[in-house]
PDB file of N, CA and C in Angstrom:
ATOM      1  N   MET A   1      22.384  12.035  29.080  1.00  0.00           N
ATOM      2  CA  MET A   1      21.254  12.992  29.454  1.00  0.00           C
ATOM      3  C   MET A   1      21.852  14.201  29.120  1.00  0.00           C
ATOM      4  N   ASP A   2      21.201  14.722  28.765  1.00  0.00           N
ATOM      5  CA  ASP A   2      21.634  16.591  28.234  1.00  0.00           C
ATOM      6  C   ASP A   2      20.261  17.444  28.869  1.00  0.00           C
ATOM      7  N   ALA A   3      20.339  17.657  29.839  1.00  0.00           N
ATOM      8  CA  ALA A   3      19.228  19.027  30.076  1.00  0.00           C
ATOM      9  C   ALA A   3      18.039  17.952  30.770  1.00  0.00           C
ATOM     10  N   GLY A   4      18.395  16.563  31.017  1.00  0.00           N
ATOM     11  CA  GLY A   4      16.999  15.968  31.318  1.00  0.00           C
ATOM     12  C   GLY A   4      16.521  15.197  30.086  1.00  0.00           C
ATOM     13  N   ALA A   5      17.237  15.615  29.143  1.00  0.00           N
ATOM     14  CA  ALA A   5      16.710  14.921  27.830  1.00  0.00           C
ATOM     15  C   ALA A   5      17.957  13.765  27.475  1.00  0.00           C
ATOM     16  N   ALA A   6      17.208  12.668  26.814  1.00  0.00           N
ATOM     17  CA  ALA A   6      18.263  11.265  26.243  1.00  0.00           C
ATOM     18  C   ALA A   6      18.730  11.591  25.281  1.00  0.00           C
ATOM     19  N   GLU A   7      20.296  11.485  25.004  1.00  0.00           N
ATOM     20  CA  GLU A   7      21.199  11.603  23.705  1.00  0.00           C
ATOM     21  C   GLU A   7      21.062  10.344  23.173  1.00  0.00           C
ATOM     22  N   LEU A   8      20.626  10.246  21.930  1.00  0.00           N
ATOM     23  CA  LEU A   8      20.841   8.976  21.265  1.00  0.00           C
ATOM     24  C   LEU A   8      21.812   9.294  20.189  1.00  0.00           C
ATOM     25  N   VAL A   9      23.169   8.197  20.336  1.00  0.00           N
ATOM     26  CA  VAL A   9      23.909   8.351  19.460  1.00  0.00           C
ATOM     27  C   VAL A   9      24.130   7.012  18.150  1.00  0.00           C
ATOM     28  N   LEU A  10      23.986   7.269  17.283  1.00  0.00           N
ATOM     29  CA  LEU A  10      24.254   6.138  16.231  1.00  0.00           C
ATOM     30  C   LEU A  10      25.020   5.981  15.393  1.00  0.00           C
ATOM     31  N   SER A  11      25.751   4.862  15.189  1.00  0.00           N
ATOM     32  CA  SER A  11      26.824   4.738  14.395  1.00  0.00           C
ATOM     33  C   SER A  11      26.161   4.835  12.773  1.00  0.00           C
ATOM     34  N   ASP A  12      27.038   5.365  12.105  1.00  0.00           N
ATOM     35  CA  ASP A  12      26.859   5.396  10.576  1.00  0.00           C
ATOM     36  C   ASP A  12      27.176   3.870   9.960  1.00  0.00           C
ATOM     37  N   ASP A  13      27.833   3.232  10.579  1.00  0.00           N
ATOM     38  CA  ASP A  13      28.216   1.775  10.065  1.00  0.00           C
ATOM     39  C   ASP A  13      27.477   0.774  10.318  1.00  0.00           C
ATOM     40  N   PRO A  14      26.974   0.322   9.209  1.00  0.00           N
ATOM     41  CA  PRO A  14      25.546  -0.875   9.545  1.00  0.00           C
ATOM     42  C   PRO A  14      26.040  -1.807  10.263  1.00  0.00           C
ATOM     43  N   PHE A  15      27.007  -1.976  10.173  1.00  0.00           N
ATOM     44  CA  PHE A  15      27.796  -3.930  10.658  1.00  0.00           C
ATOM     45  C   PHE A  15      28.259  -3.252  12.176  1.00  0.00           C
ATOM     46  N   ASP A  16      27.958  -2.274  12.857  1.00  0.00           N
ATOM     47  CA  ASP A  16      28.423  -1.871  14.178  1.00  0.00           C
ATOM     48  C   ASP A  16      27.058  -2.036  14.956  1.00  0.00           C
ATOM     49  N   CYS A  17      26.755  -3.147  15.224  1.00  0.00           N
ATOM     50  CA  CYS A  17      25.554  -3.812  15.710  1.00  0.00           C
ATOM     51  C   CYS A  17      25.696  -4.964  16.716  1.00  0.00           C
ATOM     52  N   THR A  18      24.658  -5.408  17.339  1.00  0.00           N
ATOM     53  CA  THR A  18      24.867  -6.583  18.056  1.00  0.00           C
ATOM     54  C   THR A  18      23.751  -7.663  18.203  1.00  0.00           C
ATOM     55  N   LYS A  19      24.138  -8.644  17.750  1.00  0.00           N
ATOM     56  CA  LYS A  19      22.710  -9.759  17.627  1.00  0.00           C
ATOM     57  C   LYS A  19      22.158  -9.737  18.332  1.00  0.00           C
ATOM     58  N   ILE A  20      20.794 -10.070  18.445  1.00  0.00           N
ATOM     59  CA  ILE A  20      20.074  -9.903  19.733  1.00  0.00           C
ATOM     60  C   ILE A  20      19.593 -11.459  19.444  1.00  0.00           C
ATOM     61  N   ASN A  21      19.076 -11.879  20.840  1.00  0.00           N
ATOM     62  CA  ASN A  21      18.332 -13.230  20.871  1.00  0.00           C
ATOM     63  C   ASN A  21      16.720 -13.165  20.701  1.00  0.00           C
ATOM     64  N   ILE A  22      16.516 -13.888  19.462  1.00  0.00           N
ATOM     65  CA  ILE A  22      14.945 -13.919  19.303  1.00  0.00           C
ATOM     66  C   ILE A  22      14.665 -15.503  19.974  1.00  0.00           C
ATOM     67  N   ASP A  23      15.183 -16.371  20.637  1.00  0.00           N
ATOM     68  CA  ASP A  23      14.781 -17.577  21.048  1.00  0.00           C
ATOM     69  C   ASP A  23      13.537 -17.414  21.562  1.00  0.00           C
ATOM     70  N   HIS A  24      12.931 -16.161  22.299  1.00  0.00           N
ATOM     71  CA  HIS A  24      11.643 -16.672  22.640  1.00  0.00           C
ATOM     72  C   HIS A  24      10.800 -15.402  22.205  1.00  0.00           C
ATOM     73  N   ILE A  25      11.297 -14.739  21.332  1.00  0.00           N
ATOM     74  CA  ILE A  25      10.237 -13.734  20.730  1.00  0.00           C
ATOM     75  C   ILE A  25       8.659 -14.431  20.152  1.00  0.00           C
ATOM     76  N   PRO A  26       7.687 -13.988  20.712  1.00  0.00           N
ATOM     77  CA  PRO A  26       6.308 -14.806  20.312  1.00  0.00           C
ATOM     78  C   PRO A  26       6.383 -14.291  18.804  1.00  0.00           C
ATOM     79  N   ILE A  27       5.563 -15.011  18.185  1.00  0.00           N
ATOM     80  CA  ILE A  27       4.988 -15.372  16.547  1.00  0.00           C
ATOM     81  C   ILE A  27       3.355 -15.044  16.977  1.00  0.00           C
ATOM     82  N   LEU A  28       2.750 -14.038  15.968  1.00  0.00           N
ATOM     83  CA  LEU A  28       1.425 -13.734  15.884  1.00  0.00           C
ATOM     84  C   LEU A  28       0.567 -14.704  14.811  1.00  0.00           C
ATOM     85  N   VAL A  29      -0.286 -15.568  15.059  1.00  0.00           N
ATOM     86  CA  VAL A  29      -1.027 -16.261  14.438  1.00  0.00           C
ATOM     87  C   VAL A  29      -2.431 -15.970  14.169  1.00  0.00           C
ATOM     88  N   THR A  30      -3.140 -15.791  12.918  1.00  0.00           N
ATOM     89  CA  THR A  30      -4.650 -15.399  13.063  1.00  0.00           C
ATOM     90  C   THR A  30      -5.210 -16.345  12.481  1.00  0.00           C
ATOM     91  N   VAL A  31      -6.020 -17.085  13.357  1.00  0.00           N
ATOM     92  CA  VAL A  31      -7.249 -18.084  13.060  1.00  0.00           C
ATOM     93  C   VAL A  31      -8.720 -17.216  13.059  1.00  0.00           C
ATOM     94  N   SER A  32      -8.932 -17.129  11.620  1.00  0.00           N
ATOM     95  CA  SER A  32     -10.352 -16.562  11.244  1.00  0.00           C
ATOM     96  C   SER A  32     -11.465 -17.811  11.338  1.00  0.00           C
ATOM     97  N   LYS A  33     -12.534 -17.488  12.197  1.00  0.00           N
ATOM     98  CA  LYS A  33     -13.937 -18.714  11.783  1.00  0.00           C
ATOM     99  C   LYS A  33     -14.672 -18.130  10.078  1.00  0.00           C
ATOM    100  N   ILE A  34     -14.765 -19.120   9.442  1.00  0.00           N
ATOM    101  CA  ILE A  34     -15.689 -18.712   8.375  1.00  0.00           C
ATOM    102  C   ILE A  34     -16.403 -19.752   8.602  1.00  0.00           C
ATOM    103  N   GLY A  35     -17.583 -19.479   8.389  1.00  0.00           N
ATOM    104  CA  GLY A  35     -18.910 -20.628   9.000  1.00  0.00           C
ATOM    105  C   GLY A  35     -18.490 -21.450   9.870  1.00  0.00           C
ATOM    106  N   GLU A  36     -18.468 -22.344   9.603  1.00  0.00           N
ATOM    107  CA  GLU A  36     -18.211 -23.833  10.895  1.00  0.00           C
ATOM    108  C   GLU A  36     -16.606 -24.157  10.711  1.00  0.00           C
ATOM    109  N   ALA A  37     -15.733 -23.527   9.655  1.00  0.00           N
ATOM    110  CA  ALA A  37     -14.250 -23.847   9.721  1.00  0.00           C
ATOM    111  C   ALA A  37     -13.429 -22.635  10.345  1.00  0.00           C
ATOM    112  N   CYS A  38     -11.973 -23.046  10.569  1.00  0.00           N
ATOM    113  CA  CYS A  38     -11.380 -22.182  10.912  1.00  0.00           C
ATOM    114  C   CYS A  38     -10.056 -22.391   9.965  1.00  0.00           C
ATOM    115  N   VAL A  39      -9.939 -20.620   9.889  1.00  0.00           N
ATOM    116  CA  VAL A  39      -8.528 -20.881   8.544  1.00  0.00           C
ATOM    117  C   VAL A  39      -7.214 -19.980   9.376  1.00  0.00           C
ATOM    118  N   VAL A  40      -6.051 -20.495   9.155  1.00  0.00           N
ATOM    119  CA  VAL A  40      -4.674 -19.864  10.051  1.00  0.00           C
ATOM    120  C   VAL A  40      -4.294 -18.722   9.013  1.00  0.00           C
ATOM    121  N   ASP A  41      -3.911 -18.016   9.248  1.00  0.00           N
ATOM    122  CA  ASP A  41      -3.612 -16.807   8.615  1.00  0.00           C
ATOM    123  C   ASP A  41      -4.376 -16.565   7.447  1.00  0.00           C
ATOM    124  N   PRO A  42      -5.499 -16.086   7.507  1.00  0.00           N
ATOM    125  CA  PRO A  42      -6.423 -15.997   6.274  1.00  0.00           C
ATOM    126  C   PRO A  42      -5.638 -14.886   5.163  1.00  0.00           C
ATOM    127  N   SER A  43      -6.141 -15.109   4.286  1.00  0.00           N
ATOM    128  CA  SER A  43      -5.931 -13.721   3.074  1.00  0.00           C
ATOM    129  C   SER A  43      -6.911 -12.871   3.360  1.00  0.00           C
ATOM    130  N   ALA A  44      -6.758 -11.475   2.714  1.00  0.00           N
ATOM    131  CA  ALA A  44      -7.607 -10.514   2.707  1.00  0.00           C
ATOM    132  C   ALA A  44      -8.672 -10.756   2.509  1.00  0.00           C
ATOM    133  N   GLU A  45      -9.249 -11.624   1.368  1.00  0.00           N
ATOM    134  CA  GLU A  45     -10.188 -12.063   1.041  1.00  0.00           C
ATOM    135  C   GLU A  45     -11.215 -12.887   2.021  1.00  0.00           C
ATOM    136  N   GLU A  46     -10.384 -13.884   2.246  1.00  0.00           N
ATOM    137  CA  GLU A  46     -10.829 -14.730   3.698  1.00  0.00           C
ATOM    138  C   GLU A  46     -11.179 -14.269   4.867  1.00  0.00           C
ATOM    139  N   GLU A  47     -10.389 -12.773   5.084  1.00  0.00           N
ATOM    140  CA  GLU A  47     -10.800 -12.351   6.288  1.00  0.00           C
ATOM    141  C   GLU A  47     -12.208 -11.291   6.135  1.00  0.00           C
ATOM    142  N   GLU A  48     -12.452 -11.104   4.952  1.00  0.00           N
ATOM    143  CA  GLU A  48     -13.882 -10.454   4.582  1.00  0.00           C
ATOM    144  C   GLU A  48     -15.001 -11.483   4.843  1.00  0.00           C
ATOM    145  N   CYS A  49     -14.698 -12.758   4.768  1.00  0.00           N
ATOM    146  CA  CYS A  49     -15.833 -13.737   4.750  1.00  0.00           C
ATOM    147  C   CYS A  49     -15.988 -14.272   6.091  1.00  0.00           C
ATOM    148  N   SER A  50     -15.212 -13.859   7.135  1.00  0.00           N
ATOM    149  CA  SER A  50     -14.828 -14.537   8.529  1.00  0.00           C
ATOM    150  C   SER A  50     -16.026 -13.187   9.387  1.00  0.00           C
ATOM    151  N   SER A  51     -16.710 -14.467  10.222  1.00  0.00           N
ATOM    152  CA  SER A  51     -17.430 -13.531  11.451  1.00  0.00           C
ATOM    153  C   SER A  51     -16.791 -12.759  12.576  1.00  0.00           C
ATOM    154  N   ALA A  52     -15.651 -13.813  12.751  1.00  0.00           N
ATOM    155  CA  ALA A  52     -14.588 -13.252  13.712  1.00  0.00           C
ATOM    156  C   ALA A  52     -13.088 -14.204  13.472  1.00  0.00           C
ATOM    157  N   SER A  53     -12.353 -13.561  14.117  1.00  0.00           N
ATOM    158  CA  SER A  53     -10.765 -13.897  14.249  1.00  0.00           C
ATOM    159  C   SER A  53     -10.123 -13.545  15.385  1.00  0.00           C
ATOM    160  N   LEU A  54      -9.061 -14.457  15.656  1.00  0.00           N
ATOM    161  CA  LEU A  54      -8.394 -14.604  16.999  1.00  0.00           C
ATOM    162  C   LEU A  54      -7.014 -14.473  16.634  1.00  0.00           C
ATOM    163  N   VAL A  55      -6.369 -13.951  16.910  1.00  0.00           N
ATOM    164  CA  VAL A  55      -5.180 -13.644  16.851  1.00  0.00           C
ATOM    165  C   VAL A  55      -4.625 -13.950  18.092  1.00  0.00           C
ATOM    166  N   ILE A  56      -3.447 -14.926  18.055  1.00  0.00           N
ATOM    167  CA  ILE A  56      -3.097 -15.556  19.072  1.00  0.00           C
ATOM    168  C   ILE A  56      -1.248 -15.698  19.018  1.00  0.00           C
ATOM    169  N   GLY A  57      -0.506 -15.140  20.163  1.00  0.00           N
ATOM    170  CA  GLY A  57       0.831 -14.766  20.096  1.00  0.00           C
ATOM    171  C   GLY A  57       1.177 -16.062  21.065  1.00  0.00           C
ATOM    172  N   ALA A  58       2.431 -16.461  20.444  1.00  0.00           N
ATOM    173  CA  ALA A  58       2.934 -17.805  21.345  1.00  0.00           C
ATOM    174  C   ALA A  58       4.355 -17.545  20.992  1.00  0.00           C
ATOM    175  N   SER A  59       5.280 -18.478  21.905  1.00  0.00           N
ATOM    176  CA  SER A  59       6.702 -18.286  21.872  1.00  0.00           C
ATOM    177  C   SER A  59       6.786 -20.040  22.388  1.00  0.00           C
ATOM    178  N   GLN A  60       8.239 -20.286  21.983  1.00  0.00           N
ATOM    179  CA  GLN A  60       8.721 -21.404  22.567  1.00  0.00           C
ATOM    180  C   GLN A  60      10.133 -21.268  23.224  1.00  0.00           C
ATOM    181  N   LYS A  61       9.634 -22.153  24.179  1.00  0.00           N
ATOM    182  CA  LYS A  61      11.038 -22.318  25.237  1.00  0.00           C
ATOM    183  C   LYS A  61      10.851 -23.596  25.769  1.00  0.00           C
ATOM    184  N   ASN A  62      12.398 -24.097  25.823  1.00  0.00           N
ATOM    185  CA  ASN A  62      12.792 -25.409  26.106  1.00  0.00           C
ATOM    186  C   ASN A  62      11.885 -26.413  25.755  1.00  0.00           C
ATOM    187  N   GLY A  63      11.293 -26.292  24.476  1.00  0.00           N
ATOM    188  CA  GLY A  63      10.823 -27.084  23.364  1.00  0.00           C
ATOM    189  C   GLY A  63       9.318 -27.305  23.756  1.00  0.00           C
ATOM    190  N   LYS A  64       8.715 -26.039  24.395  1.00  0.00           N
ATOM    191  CA  LYS A  64       7.221 -26.443  25.022  1.00  0.00           C
ATOM    192  C   LYS A  64       6.834 -24.745  24.158  1.00  0.00           C
ATOM    193  N   THR A  65       5.691 -24.990  23.300  1.00  0.00           N
ATOM    194  CA  THR A  65       4.949 -23.642  23.515  1.00  0.00           C
ATOM    195  C   THR A  65       4.187 -23.030  24.267  1.00  0.00           C
ATOM    196  N   PHE A  66       3.954 -21.683  24.582  1.00  0.00           N
ATOM    197  CA  PHE A  66       3.304 -21.078  25.381  1.00  0.00           C
ATOM    198  C   PHE A  66       2.436 -19.737  24.792  1.00  0.00           C
ATOM    199  N   MET A  67       1.352 -19.391  24.838  1.00  0.00           N
ATOM    200  CA  MET A  67       0.531 -18.631  24.520  1.00  0.00           C
ATOM    201  C   MET A  67       1.132 -17.509  25.595  1.00  0.00           C
ATOM    202  N   THR A  68       1.417 -16.157  25.078  1.00  0.00           N
ATOM    203  CA  THR A  68       1.567 -15.053  25.381  1.00  0.00           C
ATOM    204  C   THR A  68       0.763 -13.943  25.470  1.00  0.00           C
ATOM    205  N   ASN A  69      -0.568 -14.069  24.269  1.00  0.00           N
ATOM    206  CA  ASN A  69      -1.713 -13.233  24.215  1.00  0.00           C
ATOM    207  C   ASN A  69      -2.796 -13.540  23.379  1.00  0.00           C
ATOM    208  N   THR A  70      -3.855 -13.063  23.437  1.00  0.00           N
ATOM    209  CA  THR A  70      -5.045 -13.571  22.371  1.00  0.00           C
ATOM    210  C   THR A  70      -5.656 -11.852  22.400  1.00  0.00           C
ATOM    211  N   GLN A  71      -6.421 -11.975  20.962  1.00  0.00           N
ATOM    212  CA  GLN A  71      -7.093 -10.834  20.975  1.00  0.00           C
ATOM    213  C   GLN A  71      -8.107 -11.141  20.061  1.00  0.00           C
ATOM    214  N   THR A  72      -9.318 -11.163  20.064  1.00  0.00           N
ATOM    215  CA  THR A  72     -10.576 -11.121  19.191  1.00  0.00           C
ATOM    216  C   THR A  72     -10.931 -10.148  18.597  1.00  0.00           C
ATOM    217  N   ILE A  73     -11.209 -10.468  17.087  1.00  0.00           N
ATOM    218  CA  ILE A  73     -10.939  -9.098  15.881  1.00  0.00           C
ATOM    219  C   ILE A  73     -12.502  -9.481  15.275  1.00  0.00           C
ATOM    220  N   GLY A  74     -13.083  -8.663  14.947  1.00  0.00           N
ATOM    221  CA  GLY A  74     -14.338  -8.798  14.246  1.00  0.00           C
ATOM    222  C   GLY A  74     -15.685  -8.734  15.156  1.00  0.00           C
ATOM    223  N   ARG A  75     -16.627  -8.443  14.358  1.00  0.00           N
ATOM    224  CA  ARG A  75     -18.114  -8.613  14.647  1.00  0.00           C
ATOM    225  C   ARG A  75     -18.943  -9.806  15.602  1.00  0.00           C
ATOM    226  N   GLY A  76     -18.410 -10.967  14.902  1.00  0.00           N
ATOM    227  CA  GLY A  76     -18.855 -12.076  15.664  1.00  0.00           C
ATOM    228  C   GLY A  76     -18.300 -12.799  16.862  1.00  0.00           C
ATOM    229  N   SER A  77     -18.485 -13.960  16.922  1.00  0.00           N
ATOM    230  CA  SER A  77     -18.146 -14.467  18.548  1.00  0.00           C
ATOM    231  C   SER A  77     -17.504 -15.911  18.078  1.00  0.00           C
ATOM    232  N   PHE A  78     -16.998 -16.442  19.002  1.00  0.00           N
ATOM    233  CA  PHE A  78     -16.725 -17.839  18.969  1.00  0.00           C
ATOM    234  C   PHE A  78     -17.373 -18.761  20.010  1.00  0.00           C
ATOM    235  N   HIS A  79     -17.937 -19.800  19.484  1.00  0.00           N
ATOM    236  CA  HIS A  79     -18.348 -21.074  20.685  1.00  0.00           C
ATOM    237  C   HIS A  79     -17.199 -21.093  21.591  1.00  0.00           C
ATOM    238  N   PRO A  80     -17.324 -21.625  22.703  1.00  0.00           N
ATOM    239  CA  PRO A  80     -15.952 -21.802  23.840  1.00  0.00           C
ATOM    240  C   PRO A  80     -15.146 -23.218  23.143  1.00  0.00           C
ATOM    241  N   ASN A  81     -15.966 -23.838  22.404  1.00  0.00           N
ATOM    242  CA  ASN A  81     -15.179 -25.242  21.927  1.00  0.00           C
ATOM    243  C   ASN A  81     -14.437 -24.613  21.041  1.00  0.00           C
ATOM    244  N   THR A  82     -15.087 -23.955  19.887  1.00  0.00           N
ATOM    245  CA  THR A  82     -14.379 -23.494  18.547  1.00  0.00           C
ATOM    246  C   THR A  82     -13.214 -22.412  19.319  1.00  0.00           C
ATOM    247  N   MET A  83     -13.436 -21.711  20.104  1.00  0.00           N
ATOM    248  CA  MET A  83     -12.109 -20.926  20.494  1.00  0.00           C
ATOM    249  C   MET A  83     -10.987 -21.739  20.968  1.00  0.00           C
ATOM    250  N   PHE A  84     -11.225 -22.630  22.134  1.00  0.00           N
ATOM    251  CA  PHE A  84     -10.273 -23.785  22.292  1.00  0.00           C
ATOM    252  C   PHE A  84      -9.360 -24.508  21.072  1.00  0.00           C
ATOM    253  N   ASP A  85     -10.368 -24.654  20.139  1.00  0.00           N
ATOM    254  CA  ASP A  85     -10.020 -25.412  19.138  1.00  0.00           C
ATOM    255  C   ASP A  85      -8.964 -24.391  18.439  1.00  0.00           C
ATOM    256  N   SER A  86      -9.498 -23.551  18.287  1.00  0.00           N
ATOM    257  CA  SER A  86      -8.820 -22.073  17.315  1.00  0.00           C
ATOM    258  C   SER A  86      -7.379 -21.600  18.063  1.00  0.00           C
ATOM    259  N   ILE A  87      -7.427 -21.966  19.149  1.00  0.00           N
ATOM    260  CA  ILE A  87      -5.912 -21.626  20.207  1.00  0.00           C
ATOM    261  C   ILE A  87      -5.090 -23.147  19.727  1.00  0.00           C
ATOM    262  N   LYS A  88      -5.550 -24.140  19.799  1.00  0.00           N
ATOM    263  CA  LYS A  88      -4.936 -24.957  19.608  1.00  0.00           C
ATOM    264  C   LYS A  88      -4.232 -25.054  18.201  1.00  0.00           C
ATOM    265  N   LEU A  89      -5.110 -24.804  17.478  1.00  0.00           N
ATOM    266  CA  LEU A  89      -4.476 -24.736  16.337  1.00  0.00           C
ATOM    267  C   LEU A  89      -3.668 -23.730  15.542  1.00  0.00           C
ATOM    268  N   GLY A  90      -3.548 -22.624  16.443  1.00  0.00           N
ATOM    269  CA  GLY A  90      -2.898 -21.065  16.403  1.00  0.00           C
ATOM    270  C   GLY A  90      -1.487 -21.585  17.078  1.00  0.00           C
ATOM    271  N   LEU A  91      -1.799 -22.342  18.417  1.00  0.00           N
ATOM    272  CA  LEU A  91      -0.239 -22.775  18.893  1.00  0.00           C
ATOM    273  C   LEU A  91       0.444 -23.608  18.030  1.00  0.00           C
ATOM    274  N   SER A  92      -0.308 -24.673  17.524  1.00  0.00           N
ATOM    275  CA  SER A  92       0.178 -25.688  16.282  1.00  0.00           C
ATOM    276  C   SER A  92       1.125 -25.075  15.110  1.00  0.00           C
ATOM    277  N   ALA A  93       0.112 -23.937  14.614  1.00  0.00           N
ATOM    278  CA  ALA A  93       0.712 -23.244  13.608  1.00  0.00           C
ATOM    279  C   ALA A  93       2.077 -22.471  13.752  1.00  0.00           C
ATOM    280  N   SER A  94       1.992 -21.770  14.961  1.00  0.00           N
ATOM    281  CA  SER A  94       2.960 -20.908  15.574  1.00  0.00           C
ATOM    282  C   SER A  94       4.239 -21.807  15.963  1.00  0.00           C
ATOM    283  N   LYS A  95       4.094 -23.089  16.444  1.00  0.00           N
ATOM    284  CA  LYS A  95       5.381 -24.002  16.398  1.00  0.00           C
ATOM    285  C   LYS A  95       5.702 -24.215  14.928  1.00  0.00           C
ATOM    286  N   SER A  96       5.316 -24.501  14.183  1.00  0.00           N
ATOM    287  CA  SER A  96       5.667 -25.016  13.164  1.00  0.00           C
ATOM    288  C   SER A  96       6.650 -23.630  12.373  1.00  0.00           C
ATOM    289  N   LEU A  97       5.794 -22.383  12.632  1.00  0.00           N
ATOM    290  CA  LEU A  97       6.421 -21.344  11.886  1.00  0.00           C
ATOM    291  C   LEU A  97       7.832 -20.899  12.791  1.00  0.00           C
ATOM    292  N   ASP A  98       7.584 -21.033  14.437  1.00  0.00           N
ATOM    293  CA  ASP A  98       9.059 -20.704  14.565  1.00  0.00           C
ATOM    294  C   ASP A  98      10.155 -21.644  14.409  1.00  0.00           C
ATOM    295  N   ASP A  99       9.509 -23.089  14.241  1.00  0.00           N
ATOM    296  CA  ASP A  99      10.877 -23.973  13.963  1.00  0.00           C
ATOM    297  C   ASP A  99      11.115 -23.921  12.402  1.00  0.00           C
ATOM    298  N   CYS A 100      10.616 -23.534  11.621  1.00  0.00           N
ATOM    299  CA  CYS A 100      11.033 -23.541  10.225  1.00  0.00           C
ATOM    300  C   CYS A 100      11.885 -21.912  10.062  1.00  0.00           C
ATOM    301  N   LEU A 101      11.592 -20.989  11.149  1.00  0.00           N
ATOM    302  CA  LEU A 101      12.016 -19.679  11.039  1.00  0.00           C
ATOM    303  C   LEU A 101      13.770 -20.000  11.658  1.00  0.00           C
ATOM    304  N   VAL A 102      13.583 -20.588  12.499  1.00  0.00           N
ATOM    305  CA  VAL A 102      14.893 -20.893  13.640  1.00  0.00           C
ATOM    306  C   VAL A 102      15.529 -21.738  12.719  1.00  0.00           C
ATOM    307  N   ARG A 103      14.975 -22.828  11.876  1.00  0.00           N
ATOM    308  CA  ARG A 103      15.935 -23.874  10.943  1.00  0.00           C
ATOM    309  C   ARG A 103      16.768 -22.873   9.938  1.00  0.00           C
ATOM    310  N   ALA A 104      15.646 -21.982   9.224  1.00  0.00           N
ATOM    311  CA  ALA A 104      16.189 -20.834   7.900  1.00  0.00           C
ATOM    312  C   ALA A 104      17.564 -20.092   8.500  1.00  0.00           C
ATOM    313  N   LEU A 105      17.046 -19.424   9.670  1.00  0.00           N
ATOM    314  CA  LEU A 105      18.112 -18.494  10.158  1.00  0.00           C
ATOM    315  C   LEU A 105      19.467 -19.091  10.467  1.00  0.00           C
ATOM    316  N   LYS A 106      19.150 -20.567  11.113  1.00  0.00           N
ATOM    317  CA  LYS A 106      20.785 -20.963  11.355  1.00  0.00           C
ATOM    318  C   LYS A 106      21.812 -21.568  10.234  1.00  0.00           C
ATOM    319  N   LEU A 107      20.445 -21.734   9.085  1.00  0.00           N
ATOM    320  CA  LEU A 107      21.057 -22.416   7.612  1.00  0.00           C
ATOM    321  C   LEU A 107      22.045 -20.963   7.346  1.00  0.00           C
ATOM    322  N   GLU A 108      21.321 -19.807   7.354  1.00  0.00           N
ATOM    323  CA  GLU A 108      21.981 -18.669   6.943  1.00  0.00           C
ATOM    324  C   GLU A 108      23.343 -18.064   7.652  1.00  0.00           C
ATOM    325  N   GLU A 109      22.922 -18.366   9.091  1.00  0.00           N
ATOM    326  CA  GLU A 109      24.096 -17.911   9.839  1.00  0.00           C
ATOM    327  C   GLU A 109      25.176 -19.005   9.653  1.00  0.00           C
ATOM    328  N   ASN A 110      24.958 -20.508   9.106  1.00  0.00           N
ATOM    329  CA  ASN A 110      26.104 -21.372   8.832  1.00  0.00           C
ATOM    330  C   ASN A 110      26.911 -20.866   7.529  1.00  0.00           C
ATOM    331  N   ARG A 111      25.582 -20.485   6.588  1.00  0.00           N
ATOM    332  CA  ARG A 111      26.052 -20.430   5.325  1.00  0.00           C
ATOM    333  C   ARG A 111      27.349 -19.170   5.287  1.00  0.00           C
ATOM    334  N   VAL A 112      27.079 -18.118   6.068  1.00  0.00           N
ATOM    335  CA  VAL A 112      27.596 -16.893   5.983  1.00  0.00           C
ATOM    336  C   VAL A 112      28.991 -17.341   6.893  1.00  0.00           C
ATOM    337  N   GLU A 113      29.102 -18.093   8.078  1.00  0.00           N
ATOM    338  CA  GLU A 113      30.441 -18.279   8.452  1.00  0.00           C
ATOM    339  C   GLU A 113      31.313 -18.972   7.657  1.00  0.00           C
ATOM    340  N   LYS A 114      30.622 -19.882   7.018  1.00  0.00           N
ATOM    341  CA  LYS A 114      31.843 -20.879   6.014  1.00  0.00           C
ATOM    342  C   LYS A 114      32.393 -19.831   4.502  1.00  0.00           C
ATOM    343  N   ASP A 115      31.949 -18.935   4.771  1.00  0.00           N
ATOM    344  CA  ASP A 115      32.310 -17.813   3.505  1.00  0.00           C
ATOM    345  C   ASP A 115      33.310 -16.944   4.159  1.00  0.00           C
ATOM    346  N   GLY A 116      33.234 -17.156   5.893  1.00  0.00           N
ATOM    347  CA  GLY A 116      34.761 -16.195   6.771  1.00  0.00           C
ATOM    348  C   GLY A 116      34.132 -15.512   7.049  1.00  0.00           C
ATOM    349  N   LYS A 117      32.818 -14.955   6.968  1.00  0.00           N
ATOM    350  CA  LYS A 117      32.100 -13.763   7.050  1.00  0.00           C
ATOM    351  C   LYS A 117      31.739 -13.519   8.816  1.00  0.00           C
ATOM    352  N   LYS A 118      31.747 -12.917   9.373  1.00  0.00           N
ATOM    353  CA  LYS A 118      31.279 -12.638  10.920  1.00  0.00           C
ATOM    354  C   LYS A 118      29.615 -12.166  10.938  1.00  0.00           C
ATOM    355  N   THR A 119      28.758 -12.796  11.452  1.00  0.00           N
ATOM    356  CA  THR A 119      27.279 -12.724  11.410  1.00  0.00           C
ATOM    357  C   THR A 119      26.902 -11.606  12.577  1.00  0.00           C
ATOM    358  N   VAL A 120      26.392 -10.209  12.220  1.00  0.00           N
ATOM    359  CA  VAL A 120      26.212  -9.367  13.191  1.00  0.00           C
ATOM    360  C   VAL A 120      24.959  -9.047  13.320  1.00  0.00           C
ATOM    361  N   GLY A 121      23.999  -9.314  14.026  1.00  0.00           N
ATOM    362  CA  GLY A 121      22.384  -9.468  13.669  1.00  0.00           C
ATOM    363  C   GLY A 121      22.042 -10.245  12.545  1.00  0.00           C
ATOM    364  N   PHE A 122      21.095  -9.557  11.520  1.00  0.00           N
ATOM    365  CA  PHE A 122      20.640 -10.228  10.263  1.00  0.00           C
ATOM    366  C   PHE A 122      21.824  -9.596   9.194  1.00  0.00           C
ATOM    367  N   LEU A 123      23.326  -8.939   9.710  1.00  0.00           N
ATOM    368  CA  LEU A 123      23.881  -8.483   8.704  1.00  0.00           C
ATOM    369  C   LEU A 123      24.868  -9.186   8.508  1.00  0.00           C
ATOM    370  N   HIS A 124      25.589  -8.723   7.666  1.00  0.00           N
ATOM    371  CA  HIS A 124      26.966  -9.601   7.389  1.00  0.00           C
ATOM    372  C   HIS A 124      28.491  -8.749   7.202  1.00  0.00           C
ATOM    373  N   SER A 125      29.540  -9.003   7.829  1.00  0.00           N
ATOM    374  CA  SER A 125      30.280  -8.388   7.586  1.00  0.00           C
ATOM    375  C   SER A 125      31.619  -9.174   6.675  1.00  0.00           C
TER     376      SER A 125
END
């Protein structure tokens, strides 16, 4: 603190960092209602056809999926049953995405460690 203002000092070395724990960081998945169907993570063109979308934040903890937040987008609405099904679909998709992401990150970490380099965050030294 300098005169009541925080002073932030950053290192010039990109490897001077700490690996952050991403175990419980939420993944956001969008489920869009197009007619009577729902589409997970729609393209821009699909979103244009959508009457309403639901953004679902979900994280994993102890092998279970937890919903962290939801937000509706668009001018349309969801029937309660459609909303419930969309939430289930979004949670399922987020679990699959999270599992694939964690697997890919562990593979990369193992690959880098085999090369004799130390993993620091997502950078390698």
